[in-house]
Amino acid sequence: MDVKGRKHTGKSKNYQNWVTADDIDYLEQWEKLFGPEYQACFAFCFWCDKLPGEALFENMFVYDERWYTAYAITLDQYRLHMKVRSESWKTVHMPASIFSQLALPVSEIFV
């Protein structure tokens, strides 16, 4: 699991889920190292600068008086839907609408 931290305004479900091309390559290498019974994934932890509106996030938690939510998505799902975000910075992302449909609360990944 590669954990990414992002800030979120809490105004929409527009999740910033960009990663670098190197992040994709490294997770692929870990997946090969551990074998076919393991799935690599990204976990995105979002710090919400204010309490989100009515049920915007289902799995909120508070730490040090700040609101957070965390979602995970498998490398396979991410790779299938990723788009180039910046050629010069070598970053990719998933469209927010697809991410919000496919990503699961981190707590569900470890069940």
Protein backbone atom coordinates (compact mmCIF):
# COMPACT_ATOMS: atom_id res chain seq x y z
CA MET A 1 0.00 0.00 0.00
CA ASP A 2 1.26 3.43 -0.95
CA VAL A 3 -0.28 6.12 1.26
CA LYS A 4 -0.90 9.59 -0.17
CA GLY A 5 -2.00 12.62 1.82
CA ARG A 6 -4.18 15.29 0.23
CA LYS A 7 -6.09 18.34 1.44
CA HIS A 8 -9.78 18.57 0.59
CA THR A 9 -12.08 21.57 0.82
CA GLY A 10 -15.08 19.43 1.74
CA LYS A 11 -17.22 21.20 -0.86
CA SER A 12 -17.56 18.33 -3.34
CA LYS A 13 -16.47 14.79 -4.05
CA ASN A 14 -13.69 16.08 -6.29
CA TYR A 15 -10.95 13.91 -4.81
CA GLN A 16 -7.40 14.88 -5.78
CA ASN A 17 -5.94 11.43 -6.45
CA TRP A 18 -2.86 12.11 -8.55
CA VAL A 19 0.27 9.98 -8.27
CA THR A 20 3.57 9.87 -10.14
CA ALA A 21 4.45 7.41 -12.87
CA ASP A 22 7.19 6.19 -10.51
CA ASP A 23 4.54 5.40 -7.87
CA ILE A 24 2.81 3.13 -10.38
CA ASP A 25 6.11 1.42 -11.29
CA TYR A 26 7.11 0.90 -7.65
CA LEU A 27 3.77 -0.62 -6.69
CA GLU A 28 4.02 -2.97 -9.69
CA GLN A 29 7.44 -4.09 -8.47
CA TRP A 30 6.13 -4.73 -4.93
CA GLU A 31 3.19 -6.70 -6.32
CA LYS A 32 5.57 -8.91 -8.34
CA LEU A 33 7.84 -9.37 -5.33
CA PHE A 34 5.03 -10.53 -3.03
CA GLY A 35 3.33 -12.72 -5.64
CA PRO A 36 -0.10 -13.19 -7.20
CA GLU A 37 -1.98 -13.59 -3.90
CA TYR A 38 -1.25 -9.93 -3.03
CA GLN A 39 -2.78 -6.81 -4.54
CA ALA A 40 -1.03 -3.47 -4.45
CA CYS A 41 -3.17 -0.42 -3.72
CA PHE A 42 -3.10 3.31 -3.08
CA ALA A 43 -4.59 4.75 0.09
CA PHE A 44 -5.56 8.41 -0.09
CA CYS A 45 -5.97 10.18 3.25
CA PHE A 46 -7.84 13.45 2.87
CA TRP A 47 -7.61 16.24 5.43
CA CYS A 48 -10.83 18.23 5.24
CA ASP A 49 -10.22 21.84 6.24
CA LYS A 50 -13.77 22.03 7.58
CA LEU A 51 -16.48 19.55 8.51
CA PRO A 52 -18.05 18.32 5.26
CA GLY A 53 -21.71 18.92 4.56
CA GLU A 54 -24.46 16.40 5.14
CA ALA A 55 -23.10 12.87 4.54
CA LEU A 56 -20.54 14.00 1.98
CA PHE A 57 -18.11 11.52 3.50
CA GLU A 58 -19.31 8.36 5.18
CA ASN A 59 -16.12 7.38 6.95
CA MET A 60 -14.94 10.53 8.71
CA PHE A 61 -12.62 10.49 11.69
CA VAL A 62 -11.07 13.19 13.84
CA TYR A 63 -7.42 13.38 14.77
CA ASP A 64 -5.80 16.31 16.57
CA GLU A 65 -8.98 18.37 16.06
CA ARG A 66 -8.92 17.91 12.27
CA TRP A 67 -11.39 15.99 10.09
CA TYR A 68 -10.08 13.17 7.87
CA THR A 69 -11.38 10.52 5.51
CA ALA A 70 -9.41 7.73 3.82
CA TYR A 71 -10.10 5.74 0.68
CA ALA A 72 -8.16 2.99 -1.09
CA ILE A 73 -8.12 1.68 -4.63
CA THR A 74 -6.22 -1.25 -6.12
CA LEU A 75 -3.38 -0.66 -8.52
CA ASP A 76 -5.25 -2.63 -11.21
CA GLN A 77 -8.32 -0.38 -10.94
CA TYR A 78 -6.21 2.75 -10.86
CA ARG A 79 -4.16 1.71 -13.89
CA LEU A 80 -7.30 0.83 -15.86
CA HIS A 81 -8.78 4.34 -15.45
CA MET A 82 -5.72 6.59 -15.10
CA LYS A 83 -5.15 9.60 -17.34
CA VAL A 84 -2.05 11.73 -17.79
CA ARG A 85 -2.24 14.75 -15.50
CA SER A 86 1.11 16.35 -16.34
CA GLU A 87 3.65 15.18 -18.89
CA SER A 88 6.39 17.41 -17.46
CA TRP A 89 5.83 16.30 -13.84
CA LYS A 90 5.14 12.69 -14.93
CA THR A 91 1.91 12.48 -12.96
CA VAL A 92 -1.34 10.63 -13.61
CA HIS A 93 -4.79 10.70 -12.01
CA MET A 94 -8.20 9.09 -12.15
CA PRO A 95 -11.28 11.13 -13.02
CA ALA A 96 -12.88 12.09 -9.70
CA SER A 97 -16.25 10.60 -10.69
CA ILE A 98 -14.69 7.18 -11.32
CA PHE A 99 -12.52 7.37 -8.21
CA SER A 100 -15.54 8.12 -6.02
CA GLN A 101 -17.38 5.11 -7.51
CA LEU A 102 -14.54 2.59 -7.17
CA ALA A 103 -12.50 3.61 -4.13
CA LEU A 104 -13.42 1.94 -0.85
CA PRO A 105 -13.04 3.24 2.69
CA VAL A 106 -9.66 2.05 3.93
CA SER A 107 -11.40 0.31 6.83
CA GLU A 108 -13.08 -2.05 4.32
CA ILE A 109 -9.78 -3.04 2.70
CA PHE A 110 -8.51 -4.64 5.90
CA VAL A 111 -11.59 -6.72 6.72
